[in-house]
Amino acid sequence: MKLNKIIKKKLRIRNKLKRSNTNNRLRLTVNRSSKNISAQIIDDINNKTLVAASSVEKDIKKINITKKSDLSLFVG
């Protein structure tokens, strides 16, 4: 299977993070789109997602925040 450059780079960075994770650090990933934002805290040693928050969740949608910067503060 042939992988494109973006996937190769993603795998290379992820493998480098897993190798250097000797003192049990957690990884924070943040995904942004034009309207929403989501964040996760990941434990690479156990391959588990510990905490996840997103602007798509029902609790956050009820608050009616218009600015994306305010929404990102609330999700964080």
PDB file of N, CA and C in Angstrom:
ATOM      1  N   MET A   1       0.831  -1.164   0.000  1.00  0.00           N
ATOM      2  CA  MET A   1       0.000   0.000   0.000  1.00  0.00           C
ATOM      3  C   MET A   1       0.890   1.247   0.000  1.00  0.00           C
ATOM      4  N   LYS A   2       0.580   2.164  -0.874  1.00  0.00           N
ATOM      5  CA  LYS A   2       1.373   3.375  -0.993  1.00  0.00           C
ATOM      6  C   LYS A   2       0.756   4.472  -0.127  1.00  0.00           C
ATOM      7  N   LEU A   3       1.576   5.079   0.734  1.00  0.00           N
ATOM      8  CA  LEU A   3       1.103   6.140   1.621  1.00  0.00           C
ATOM      9  C   LEU A   3       1.546   7.492   1.079  1.00  0.00           C
ATOM     10  N   ASN A   4       0.660   8.467   1.210  1.00  0.00           N
ATOM     11  CA  ASN A   4       1.052   9.791   0.755  1.00  0.00           C
ATOM     12  C   ASN A   4       1.903  10.492   1.804  1.00  0.00           C
ATOM     13  N   LYS A   5       2.412  11.663   1.480  1.00  0.00           N
ATOM     14  CA  LYS A   5       3.386  12.352   2.321  1.00  0.00           C
ATOM     15  C   LYS A   5       2.801  12.750   3.677  1.00  0.00           C
ATOM     16  N   ILE A   6       1.551  13.175   3.695  1.00  0.00           N
ATOM     17  CA  ILE A   6       0.944  13.639   4.940  1.00  0.00           C
ATOM     18  C   ILE A   6       0.793  12.493   5.927  1.00  0.00           C
ATOM     19  N   ILE A   7       0.347  11.342   5.455  1.00  0.00           N
ATOM     20  CA  ILE A   7       0.181  10.189   6.341  1.00  0.00           C
ATOM     21  C   ILE A   7       1.531   9.699   6.844  1.00  0.00           C
ATOM     22  N   LYS A   8       2.548   9.690   5.972  1.00  0.00           N
ATOM     23  CA  LYS A   8       3.889   9.288   6.393  1.00  0.00           C
ATOM     24  C   LYS A   8       4.423  10.210   7.481  1.00  0.00           C
ATOM     25  N   LYS A   9       4.211  11.505   7.313  1.00  0.00           N
ATOM     26  CA  LYS A   9       4.684  12.466   8.304  1.00  0.00           C
ATOM     27  C   LYS A   9       3.956  12.280   9.624  1.00  0.00           C
ATOM     28  N   LYS A  10       2.643  12.045   9.570  1.00  0.00           N
ATOM     29  CA  LYS A  10       1.848  11.832  10.772  1.00  0.00           C
ATOM     30  C   LYS A  10       2.328  10.599  11.535  1.00  0.00           C
ATOM     31  N   LEU A  11       2.572   9.514  10.817  1.00  0.00           N
ATOM     32  CA  LEU A  11       3.056   8.286  11.450  1.00  0.00           C
ATOM     33  C   LEU A  11       4.458   8.461  12.021  1.00  0.00           C
ATOM     34  N   ARG A  12       5.309   9.186  11.316  1.00  0.00           N
ATOM     35  CA  ARG A  12       6.674   9.417  11.783  1.00  0.00           C
ATOM     36  C   ARG A  12       6.677  10.222  13.084  1.00  0.00           C
ATOM     37  N   ILE A  13       5.861  11.252  13.164  1.00  0.00           N
ATOM     38  CA  ILE A  13       5.789  12.072  14.375  1.00  0.00           C
ATOM     39  C   ILE A  13       5.193  11.275  15.520  1.00  0.00           C
ATOM     40  N   ARG A  14       4.129  10.514  15.253  1.00  0.00           N
ATOM     41  CA  ARG A  14       3.488   9.727  16.309  1.00  0.00           C
ATOM     42  C   ARG A  14       4.439   8.676  16.866  1.00  0.00           C
ATOM     43  N   ASN A  15       5.197   8.017  16.006  1.00  0.00           N
ATOM     44  CA  ASN A  15       6.162   7.011  16.472  1.00  0.00           C
ATOM     45  C   ASN A  15       7.284   7.647  17.280  1.00  0.00           C
ATOM     46  N   LYS A  16       7.720   8.828  16.870  1.00  0.00           N
ATOM     47  CA  LYS A  16       8.761   9.528  17.613  1.00  0.00           C
ATOM     48  C   LYS A  16       8.259   9.914  19.000  1.00  0.00           C
ATOM     49  N   LEU A  17       7.007  10.336  19.100  1.00  0.00           N
ATOM     50  CA  LEU A  17       6.431  10.676  20.401  1.00  0.00           C
ATOM     51  C   LEU A  17       6.316   9.450  21.299  1.00  0.00           C
ATOM     52  N   LYS A  18       5.937   8.332  20.728  1.00  0.00           N
ATOM     53  CA  LYS A  18       5.791   7.112  21.525  1.00  0.00           C
ATOM     54  C   LYS A  18       7.144   6.618  22.042  1.00  0.00           C
ATOM     55  N   ARG A  19       8.199   6.748  21.234  1.00  0.00           N
ATOM     56  CA  ARG A  19       9.523   6.308  21.665  1.00  0.00           C
ATOM     57  C   ARG A  19      10.093   7.192  22.757  1.00  0.00           C
ATOM     58  N   SER A  20       9.821   8.487  22.698  1.00  0.00           N
ATOM     59  CA  SER A  20      10.406   9.412  23.668  1.00  0.00           C
ATOM     60  C   SER A  20       9.559   9.559  24.923  1.00  0.00           C
ATOM     61  N   ASN A  21       8.492   8.810  25.027  1.00  0.00           N
ATOM     62  CA  ASN A  21       7.573   8.931  26.153  1.00  0.00           C
ATOM     63  C   ASN A  21       7.993   7.995  27.288  1.00  0.00           C
ATOM     64  N   THR A  22       9.194   8.192  27.803  1.00  0.00           N
ATOM     65  CA  THR A  22       9.691   7.301  28.853  1.00  0.00           C
ATOM     66  C   THR A  22       9.258   7.738  30.240  1.00  0.00           C
ATOM     67  N   ASN A  23       8.927   9.006  30.430  1.00  0.00           N
ATOM     68  CA  ASN A  23       8.537   9.462  31.763  1.00  0.00           C
ATOM     69  C   ASN A  23       7.022   9.664  31.863  1.00  0.00           C
ATOM     70  N   ASN A  24       6.264   8.875  31.138  1.00  0.00           N
ATOM     71  CA  ASN A  24       4.806   8.799  31.237  1.00  0.00           C
ATOM     72  C   ASN A  24       4.131  10.152  31.030  1.00  0.00           C
ATOM     73  N   ARG A  25       4.466  10.820  29.961  1.00  0.00           N
ATOM     74  CA  ARG A  25       3.786  12.066  29.618  1.00  0.00           C
ATOM     75  C   ARG A  25       2.500  11.760  28.868  1.00  0.00           C
ATOM     76  N   LEU A  26       1.543  12.632  29.022  1.00  0.00           N
ATOM     77  CA  LEU A  26       0.298  12.529  28.285  1.00  0.00           C
ATOM     78  C   LEU A  26       0.367  13.467  27.084  1.00  0.00           C
ATOM     79  N   ARG A  27      -0.385  13.131  26.045  1.00  0.00           N
ATOM     80  CA  ARG A  27      -0.356  13.917  24.814  1.00  0.00           C
ATOM     81  C   ARG A  27      -1.677  14.645  24.653  1.00  0.00           C
ATOM     82  N   LEU A  28      -1.628  15.920  24.326  1.00  0.00           N
ATOM     83  CA  LEU A  28      -2.810  16.731  24.074  1.00  0.00           C
ATOM     84  C   LEU A  28      -2.949  16.928  22.575  1.00  0.00           C
ATOM     85  N   THR A  29      -4.089  16.564  22.021  1.00  0.00           N
ATOM     86  CA  THR A  29      -4.346  16.797  20.608  1.00  0.00           C
ATOM     87  C   THR A  29      -5.530  17.739  20.490  1.00  0.00           C
ATOM     88  N   VAL A  30      -5.402  18.696  19.602  1.00  0.00           N
ATOM     89  CA  VAL A  30      -6.456  19.680  19.368  1.00  0.00           C
ATOM     90  C   VAL A  30      -6.775  19.677  17.885  1.00  0.00           C
ATOM     91  N   ASN A  31      -8.054  19.553  17.559  1.00  0.00           N
ATOM     92  CA  ASN A  31      -8.502  19.568  16.176  1.00  0.00           C
ATOM     93  C   ASN A  31      -9.418  20.768  15.982  1.00  0.00           C
ATOM     94  N   ARG A  32      -9.103  21.572  14.969  1.00  0.00           N
ATOM     95  CA  ARG A  32      -9.910  22.751  14.684  1.00  0.00           C
ATOM     96  C   ARG A  32     -10.527  22.615  13.298  1.00  0.00           C
ATOM     97  N   SER A  33     -11.743  23.049  13.180  1.00  0.00           N
ATOM     98  CA  SER A  33     -12.366  23.189  11.874  1.00  0.00           C
ATOM     99  C   SER A  33     -12.842  24.628  11.761  1.00  0.00           C
ATOM    100  N   SER A  34     -13.549  24.944  10.708  1.00  0.00           N
ATOM    101  CA  SER A  34     -13.985  26.324  10.545  1.00  0.00           C
ATOM    102  C   SER A  34     -15.049  26.718  11.572  1.00  0.00           C
ATOM    103  N   LYS A  35     -15.789  25.743  12.108  1.00  0.00           N
ATOM    104  CA  LYS A  35     -16.857  26.056  13.060  1.00  0.00           C
ATOM    105  C   LYS A  35     -16.677  25.426  14.436  1.00  0.00           C
ATOM    106  N   ASN A  36     -15.999  24.308  14.528  1.00  0.00           N
ATOM    107  CA  ASN A  36     -15.919  23.564  15.785  1.00  0.00           C
ATOM    108  C   ASN A  36     -14.476  23.360  16.225  1.00  0.00           C
ATOM    109  N   ILE A  37     -14.335  22.955  17.488  1.00  0.00           N
ATOM    110  CA  ILE A  37     -13.024  22.656  18.052  1.00  0.00           C
ATOM    111  C   ILE A  37     -13.177  21.464  18.987  1.00  0.00           C
ATOM    112  N   SER A  38     -12.176  20.593  19.020  1.00  0.00           N
ATOM    113  CA  SER A  38     -12.206  19.463  19.941  1.00  0.00           C
ATOM    114  C   SER A  38     -10.794  19.227  20.474  1.00  0.00           C
ATOM    115  N   ALA A  39     -10.728  18.652  21.671  1.00  0.00           N
ATOM    116  CA  ALA A  39      -9.446  18.382  22.304  1.00  0.00           C
ATOM    117  C   ALA A  39      -9.499  17.034  23.007  1.00  0.00           C
ATOM    118  N   GLN A  40      -8.352  16.351  23.052  1.00  0.00           N
ATOM    119  CA  GLN A  40      -8.251  15.060  23.715  1.00  0.00           C
ATOM    120  C   GLN A  40      -6.937  14.988  24.475  1.00  0.00           C
ATOM    121  N   ILE A  41      -6.956  14.278  25.598  1.00  0.00           N
ATOM    122  CA  ILE A  41      -5.730  13.946  26.314  1.00  0.00           C
ATOM    123  C   ILE A  41      -5.547  12.441  26.180  1.00  0.00           C
ATOM    124  N   ILE A  42      -4.390  12.032  25.630  1.00  0.00           N
ATOM    125  CA  ILE A  42      -4.157  10.636  25.256  1.00  0.00           C
ATOM    126  C   ILE A  42      -2.973  10.089  26.033  1.00  0.00           C
ATOM    127  N   ASP A  43      -3.121   8.861  26.533  1.00  0.00           N
ATOM    128  CA  ASP A  43      -2.039   8.132  27.180  1.00  0.00           C
ATOM    129  C   ASP A  43      -1.494   7.139  26.161  1.00  0.00           C
ATOM    130  N   ASP A  44      -0.289   7.397  25.647  1.00  0.00           N
ATOM    131  CA  ASP A  44       0.285   6.557  24.587  1.00  0.00           C
ATOM    132  C   ASP A  44       0.770   5.212  25.103  1.00  0.00           C
ATOM    133  N   ILE A  45       1.124   5.120  26.365  1.00  0.00           N
ATOM    134  CA  ILE A  45       1.622   3.856  26.899  1.00  0.00           C
ATOM    135  C   ILE A  45       0.505   2.814  26.937  1.00  0.00           C
ATOM    136  N   ASN A  46      -0.682   3.219  27.395  1.00  0.00           N
ATOM    137  CA  ASN A  46      -1.817   2.302  27.478  1.00  0.00           C
ATOM    138  C   ASN A  46      -2.743   2.386  26.264  1.00  0.00           C
ATOM    139  N   ASN A  47      -2.443   3.273  25.321  1.00  0.00           N
ATOM    140  CA  ASN A  47      -3.272   3.479  24.125  1.00  0.00           C
ATOM    141  C   ASN A  47      -4.723   3.779  24.478  1.00  0.00           C
ATOM    142  N   LYS A  48      -4.923   4.723  25.384  1.00  0.00           N
ATOM    143  CA  LYS A  48      -6.267   5.094  25.832  1.00  0.00           C
ATOM    144  C   LYS A  48      -6.441   6.604  25.727  1.00  0.00           C
ATOM    145  N   THR A  49      -7.658   7.027  25.402  1.00  0.00           N
ATOM    146  CA  THR A  49      -8.031   8.429  25.481  1.00  0.00           C
ATOM    147  C   THR A  49      -8.613   8.666  26.858  1.00  0.00           C
ATOM    148  N   LEU A  50      -7.977   9.543  27.637  1.00  0.00           N
ATOM    149  CA  LEU A  50      -8.391   9.772  29.013  1.00  0.00           C
ATOM    150  C   LEU A  50      -9.553  10.752  29.099  1.00  0.00           C
ATOM    151  N   VAL A  51      -9.442  11.891  28.406  1.00  0.00           N
ATOM    152  CA  VAL A  51     -10.452  12.934  28.466  1.00  0.00           C
ATOM    153  C   VAL A  51     -10.644  13.494  27.065  1.00  0.00           C
ATOM    154  N   ALA A  52     -11.889  13.779  26.720  1.00  0.00           N
ATOM    155  CA  ALA A  52     -12.184  14.402  25.439  1.00  0.00           C
ATOM    156  C   ALA A  52     -13.242  15.472  25.640  1.00  0.00           C
ATOM    157  N   ALA A  53     -13.081  16.579  24.937  1.00  0.00           N
ATOM    158  CA  ALA A  53     -14.062  17.666  24.974  1.00  0.00           C
ATOM    159  C   ALA A  53     -14.215  18.204  23.563  1.00  0.00           C
ATOM    160  N   SER A  54     -15.440  18.580  23.232  1.00  0.00           N
ATOM    161  CA  SER A  54     -15.714  19.059  21.893  1.00  0.00           C
ATOM    162  C   SER A  54     -16.814  20.106  21.931  1.00  0.00           C
ATOM    163  N   SER A  55     -16.805  20.994  20.945  1.00  0.00           N
ATOM    164  CA  SER A  55     -17.853  22.005  20.863  1.00  0.00           C
ATOM    165  C   SER A  55     -19.136  21.447  20.275  1.00  0.00           C
ATOM    166  N   VAL A  56     -19.132  20.194  19.864  1.00  0.00           N
ATOM    167  CA  VAL A  56     -20.308  19.555  19.285  1.00  0.00           C
ATOM    168  C   VAL A  56     -21.190  18.917  20.367  1.00  0.00           C
ATOM    169  N   GLU A  57     -20.664  18.798  21.581  1.00  0.00           N
ATOM    170  CA  GLU A  57     -21.421  18.166  22.661  1.00  0.00           C
ATOM    171  C   GLU A  57     -22.661  18.974  23.017  1.00  0.00           C
ATOM    172  N   LYS A  58     -23.681  18.290  23.510  1.00  0.00           N
ATOM    173  CA  LYS A  58     -24.971  18.923  23.797  1.00  0.00           C
ATOM    174  C   LYS A  58     -24.861  20.017  24.854  1.00  0.00           C
ATOM    175  N   ASP A  59     -24.070  19.777  25.904  1.00  0.00           N
ATOM    176  CA  ASP A  59     -23.946  20.759  26.985  1.00  0.00           C
ATOM    177  C   ASP A  59     -23.367  22.083  26.482  1.00  0.00           C
ATOM    178  N   ILE A  60     -22.408  21.997  25.603  1.00  0.00           N
ATOM    179  CA  ILE A  60     -21.750  23.207  25.106  1.00  0.00           C
ATOM    180  C   ILE A  60     -22.599  23.896  24.050  1.00  0.00           C
ATOM    181  N   LYS A  61     -23.350  23.139  23.256  1.00  0.00           N
ATOM    182  CA  LYS A  61     -24.206  23.740  22.238  1.00  0.00           C
ATOM    183  C   LYS A  61     -25.331  24.560  22.850  1.00  0.00           C
ATOM    184  N   LYS A  62     -25.766  24.200  24.062  1.00  0.00           N
ATOM    185  CA  LYS A  62     -26.864  24.919  24.708  1.00  0.00           C
ATOM    186  C   LYS A  62     -26.468  26.340  25.088  1.00  0.00           C
ATOM    187  N   ILE A  63     -25.173  26.630  25.199  1.00  0.00           N
ATOM    188  CA  ILE A  63     -24.721  27.910  25.739  1.00  0.00           C
ATOM    189  C   ILE A  63     -24.751  29.041  24.701  1.00  0.00           C
ATOM    190  N   ASN A  64     -24.848  28.763  23.424  1.00  0.00           N
ATOM    191  CA  ASN A  64     -24.948  29.771  22.354  1.00  0.00           C
ATOM    192  C   ASN A  64     -23.801  30.779  22.372  1.00  0.00           C
ATOM    193  N   ILE A  65     -22.598  30.309  22.195  1.00  0.00           N
ATOM    194  CA  ILE A  65     -21.432  31.177  22.090  1.00  0.00           C
ATOM    195  C   ILE A  65     -21.202  31.460  20.608  1.00  0.00           C
ATOM    196  N   THR A  66     -21.047  32.737  20.252  1.00  0.00           N
ATOM    197  CA  THR A  66     -20.929  33.085  18.837  1.00  0.00           C
ATOM    198  C   THR A  66     -19.484  33.125  18.358  1.00  0.00           C
ATOM    199  N   LYS A  67     -18.564  33.637  19.164  1.00  0.00           N
ATOM    200  CA  LYS A  67     -17.163  33.738  18.750  1.00  0.00           C
ATOM    201  C   LYS A  67     -16.440  32.414  18.957  1.00  0.00           C
ATOM    202  N   LYS A  68     -15.605  32.052  17.988  1.00  0.00           N
ATOM    203  CA  LYS A  68     -14.874  30.798  18.081  1.00  0.00           C
ATOM    204  C   LYS A  68     -13.808  30.851  19.170  1.00  0.00           C
ATOM    205  N   SER A  69     -13.234  32.010  19.419  1.00  0.00           N
ATOM    206  CA  SER A  69     -12.222  32.119  20.480  1.00  0.00           C
ATOM    207  C   SER A  69     -12.847  31.886  21.854  1.00  0.00           C
ATOM    208  N   ASP A  70     -14.067  32.401  22.068  1.00  0.00           N
ATOM    209  CA  ASP A  70     -14.767  32.143  23.337  1.00  0.00           C
ATOM    210  C   ASP A  70     -15.150  30.671  23.456  1.00  0.00           C
ATOM    211  N   LEU A  71     -15.526  30.079  22.338  1.00  0.00           N
ATOM    212  CA  LEU A  71     -15.880  28.657  22.327  1.00  0.00           C
ATOM    213  C   LEU A  71     -14.675  27.795  22.665  1.00  0.00           C
ATOM    214  N   SER A  72     -13.503  28.148  22.149  1.00  0.00           N
ATOM    215  CA  SER A  72     -12.305  27.368  22.437  1.00  0.00           C
ATOM    216  C   SER A  72     -11.904  27.497  23.912  1.00  0.00           C
ATOM    217  N   LEU A  73     -12.083  28.664  24.500  1.00  0.00           N
ATOM    218  CA  LEU A  73     -11.816  28.827  25.936  1.00  0.00           C
ATOM    219  C   LEU A  73     -12.749  27.972  26.765  1.00  0.00           C
ATOM    220  N   PHE A  74     -14.007  27.906  26.376  1.00  0.00           N
ATOM    221  CA  PHE A  74     -14.977  27.116  27.114  1.00  0.00           C
ATOM    222  C   PHE A  74     -14.701  25.622  26.999  1.00  0.00           C
ATOM    223  N   VAL A  75     -14.296  25.162  25.795  1.00  0.00           N
ATOM    224  CA  VAL A  75     -13.967  23.747  25.611  1.00  0.00           C
ATOM    225  C   VAL A  75     -12.709  23.390  26.401  1.00  0.00           C
ATOM    226  N   GLY A  76     -11.735  24.295  26.431  1.00  0.00           N
ATOM    227  CA  GLY A  76     -10.488  24.057  27.155  1.00  0.00           C
ATOM    228  C   GLY A  76     -10.719  24.002  28.634  1.00  0.00           C
TER     229      GLY A  76
END
